[in-house]
């Protein structure tokens, strides 16, 4: 909304549209396993509702804790989950 207010030519996206664009940017050129895609679906759903995500969410929110929390998710992403979350958060803010 801020970008749109500063420049009316900038599109105004819904939360879901913004997250879909961020996911496309952050995952471009990467291949994911079936289990990784399940985690990405959980992350996407969380982001649509909250527009940001952090490590603490994985051990606090049932959507993540039921699937094993941070430890499991980070293992599934070979210890690179922090970087992936940073990529998502940056892409959302861009």
C-alpha atoms as a PDB file:
ATOM      1  CA  UNK A   1       0.000   0.000   0.000  1.00  0.00           C
ATOM      2  CA  UNK A   2       2.887   2.328   0.747  1.00  0.00           C
ATOM      3  CA  UNK A   3       4.418   1.732  -2.680  1.00  0.00           C
ATOM      4  CA  UNK A   4       1.054   2.329  -4.298  1.00  0.00           C
ATOM      5  CA  UNK A   5       0.547   5.559  -2.331  1.00  0.00           C
ATOM      6  CA  UNK A   6       3.981   6.784  -3.402  1.00  0.00           C
ATOM      7  CA  UNK A   7       3.490   5.690  -7.008  1.00  0.00           C
ATOM      8  CA  UNK A   8      -0.028   4.978  -8.213  1.00  0.00           C
ATOM      9  CA  UNK A   9       1.433   2.936 -11.068  1.00  0.00           C
ATOM     10  CA  UNK A  10       2.524   0.290  -8.540  1.00  0.00           C
ATOM     11  CA  UNK A  11      -0.046  -2.513  -8.331  1.00  0.00           C
ATOM     12  CA  UNK A  12      -1.979  -3.088  -5.131  1.00  0.00           C
ATOM     13  CA  UNK A  13      -1.826  -6.811  -4.254  1.00  0.00           C
ATOM     14  CA  UNK A  14      -3.870  -8.935  -1.886  1.00  0.00           C
ATOM     15  CA  UNK A  15      -1.904 -10.806   0.777  1.00  0.00           C
ATOM     16  CA  UNK A  16      -2.195 -14.035  -1.195  1.00  0.00           C
ATOM     17  CA  UNK A  17      -0.992 -12.394  -4.415  1.00  0.00           C
ATOM     18  CA  UNK A  18       1.954 -10.828  -2.565  1.00  0.00           C
ATOM     19  CA  UNK A  19       2.914 -14.203  -1.055  1.00  0.00           C
ATOM     20  CA  UNK A  20       2.611 -15.999  -4.388  1.00  0.00           C
ATOM     21  CA  UNK A  21       4.930 -13.451  -6.006  1.00  0.00           C
ATOM     22  CA  UNK A  22       7.377 -13.712  -3.107  1.00  0.00           C
ATOM     23  CA  UNK A  23       7.372 -17.508  -3.330  1.00  0.00           C
ATOM     24  CA  UNK A  24       8.008 -17.377  -7.061  1.00  0.00           C
ATOM     25  CA  UNK A  25      11.006 -15.075  -6.503  1.00  0.00           C
ATOM     26  CA  UNK A  26      12.438 -16.954  -3.533  1.00  0.00           C
ATOM     27  CA  UNK A  27      12.080 -20.421  -5.040  1.00  0.00           C
ATOM     28  CA  UNK A  28      13.007 -19.663  -8.658  1.00  0.00           C
ATOM     29  CA  UNK A  29      15.426 -22.212 -10.046  1.00  0.00           C
ATOM     30  CA  UNK A  30      15.179 -24.489  -7.002  1.00  0.00           C
ATOM     31  CA  UNK A  31      13.836 -28.023  -6.902  1.00  0.00           C
ATOM     32  CA  UNK A  32      12.029 -29.326  -3.830  1.00  0.00           C
ATOM     33  CA  UNK A  33      11.228 -32.814  -2.573  1.00  0.00           C
ATOM     34  CA  UNK A  34       7.654 -33.847  -1.745  1.00  0.00           C
ATOM     35  CA  UNK A  35       8.302 -33.315   1.979  1.00  0.00           C
ATOM     36  CA  UNK A  36       9.839 -29.914   1.352  1.00  0.00           C
ATOM     37  CA  UNK A  37       6.791 -28.935  -0.714  1.00  0.00           C
ATOM     38  CA  UNK A  38       4.543 -29.928   2.221  1.00  0.00           C
ATOM     39  CA  UNK A  39       6.528 -27.597   4.471  1.00  0.00           C
ATOM     40  CA  UNK A  40       6.384 -24.879   1.825  1.00  0.00           C
ATOM     41  CA  UNK A  41       2.591 -25.226   1.743  1.00  0.00           C
ATOM     42  CA  UNK A  42       2.481 -24.750   5.534  1.00  0.00           C
ATOM     43  CA  UNK A  43       4.807 -21.764   5.290  1.00  0.00           C
ATOM     44  CA  UNK A  44       2.747 -20.236   2.463  1.00  0.00           C
ATOM     45  CA  UNK A  45      -0.498 -20.592   4.460  1.00  0.00           C
ATOM     46  CA  UNK A  46       1.138 -18.939   7.480  1.00  0.00           C
ATOM     47  CA  UNK A  47       2.519 -16.105   5.387  1.00  0.00           C
ATOM     48  CA  UNK A  48      -0.835 -15.351   3.768  1.00  0.00           C
ATOM     49  CA  UNK A  49      -2.243 -14.763   7.247  1.00  0.00           C
ATOM     50  CA  UNK A  50       0.792 -13.022   8.796  1.00  0.00           C
ATOM     51  CA  UNK A  51       3.001 -11.621   5.980  1.00  0.00           C
ATOM     52  CA  UNK A  52       6.189 -12.622   7.819  1.00  0.00           C
ATOM     53  CA  UNK A  53       7.684 -15.714   9.389  1.00  0.00           C
ATOM     54  CA  UNK A  54      10.426 -16.430  11.883  1.00  0.00           C
ATOM     55  CA  UNK A  55      12.095 -19.380  13.514  1.00  0.00           C
ATOM     56  CA  UNK A  56      10.013 -18.960  16.680  1.00  0.00           C
ATOM     57  CA  UNK A  57       6.834 -19.642  14.690  1.00  0.00           C
ATOM     58  CA  UNK A  58       7.963 -23.211  14.043  1.00  0.00           C
ATOM     59  CA  UNK A  59       7.990 -24.127  17.732  1.00  0.00           C
ATOM     60  CA  UNK A  60       4.953 -22.065  18.739  1.00  0.00           C
ATOM     61  CA  UNK A  61       2.268 -22.604  16.116  1.00  0.00           C
ATOM     62  CA  UNK A  62       0.362 -25.896  15.784  1.00  0.00           C
ATOM     63  CA  UNK A  63       0.553 -25.870  11.985  1.00  0.00           C
ATOM     64  CA  UNK A  64       4.314 -26.341  12.384  1.00  0.00           C
ATOM     65  CA  UNK A  65       4.633 -28.161  15.717  1.00  0.00           C
ATOM     66  CA  UNK A  66       2.304 -30.959  14.590  1.00  0.00           C
ATOM     67  CA  UNK A  67       4.746 -31.669  11.755  1.00  0.00           C
ATOM     68  CA  UNK A  68       7.847 -31.637  13.978  1.00  0.00           C
ATOM     69  CA  UNK A  69       8.604 -27.962  14.502  1.00  0.00           C
ATOM     70  CA  UNK A  70      11.834 -26.189  13.695  1.00  0.00           C
ATOM     71  CA  UNK A  71      14.118 -29.191  14.102  1.00  0.00           C
ATOM     72  CA  UNK A  72      12.224 -31.302  11.556  1.00  0.00           C
ATOM     73  CA  UNK A  73      11.693 -28.455   9.094  1.00  0.00           C
ATOM     74  CA  UNK A  74      15.337 -27.387   9.176  1.00  0.00           C
ATOM     75  CA  UNK A  75      16.435 -31.000   8.710  1.00  0.00           C
ATOM     76  CA  UNK A  76      14.130 -31.364   5.697  1.00  0.00           C
ATOM     77  CA  UNK A  77      15.763 -28.264   4.178  1.00  0.00           C
ATOM     78  CA  UNK A  78      19.287 -29.541   4.976  1.00  0.00           C
ATOM     79  CA  UNK A  79      19.990 -26.842   7.551  1.00  0.00           C
ATOM     80  CA  UNK A  80      19.127 -24.044   5.114  1.00  0.00           C
ATOM     81  CA  UNK A  81      15.687 -23.106   6.441  1.00  0.00           C
ATOM     82  CA  UNK A  82      16.855 -19.847   8.042  1.00  0.00           C
ATOM     83  CA  UNK A  83      18.173 -18.634   4.704  1.00  0.00           C
ATOM     84  CA  UNK A  84      14.992 -19.667   2.917  1.00  0.00           C
ATOM     85  CA  UNK A  85      12.834 -17.821   5.455  1.00  0.00           C
ATOM     86  CA  UNK A  86      15.002 -14.743   5.048  1.00  0.00           C
ATOM     87  CA  UNK A  87      14.533 -14.986   1.274  1.00  0.00           C
ATOM     88  CA  UNK A  88      10.753 -15.171   1.735  1.00  0.00           C
ATOM     89  CA  UNK A  89      10.623 -12.250   4.146  1.00  0.00           C
ATOM     90  CA  UNK A  90      12.801 -10.101   1.878  1.00  0.00           C
ATOM     91  CA  UNK A  91      10.756 -10.992  -1.200  1.00  0.00           C
ATOM     92  CA  UNK A  92       7.535 -10.101   0.607  1.00  0.00           C
ATOM     93  CA  UNK A  93       8.912  -6.722   1.661  1.00  0.00           C
ATOM     94  CA  UNK A  94      10.269  -5.910  -1.802  1.00  0.00           C
END
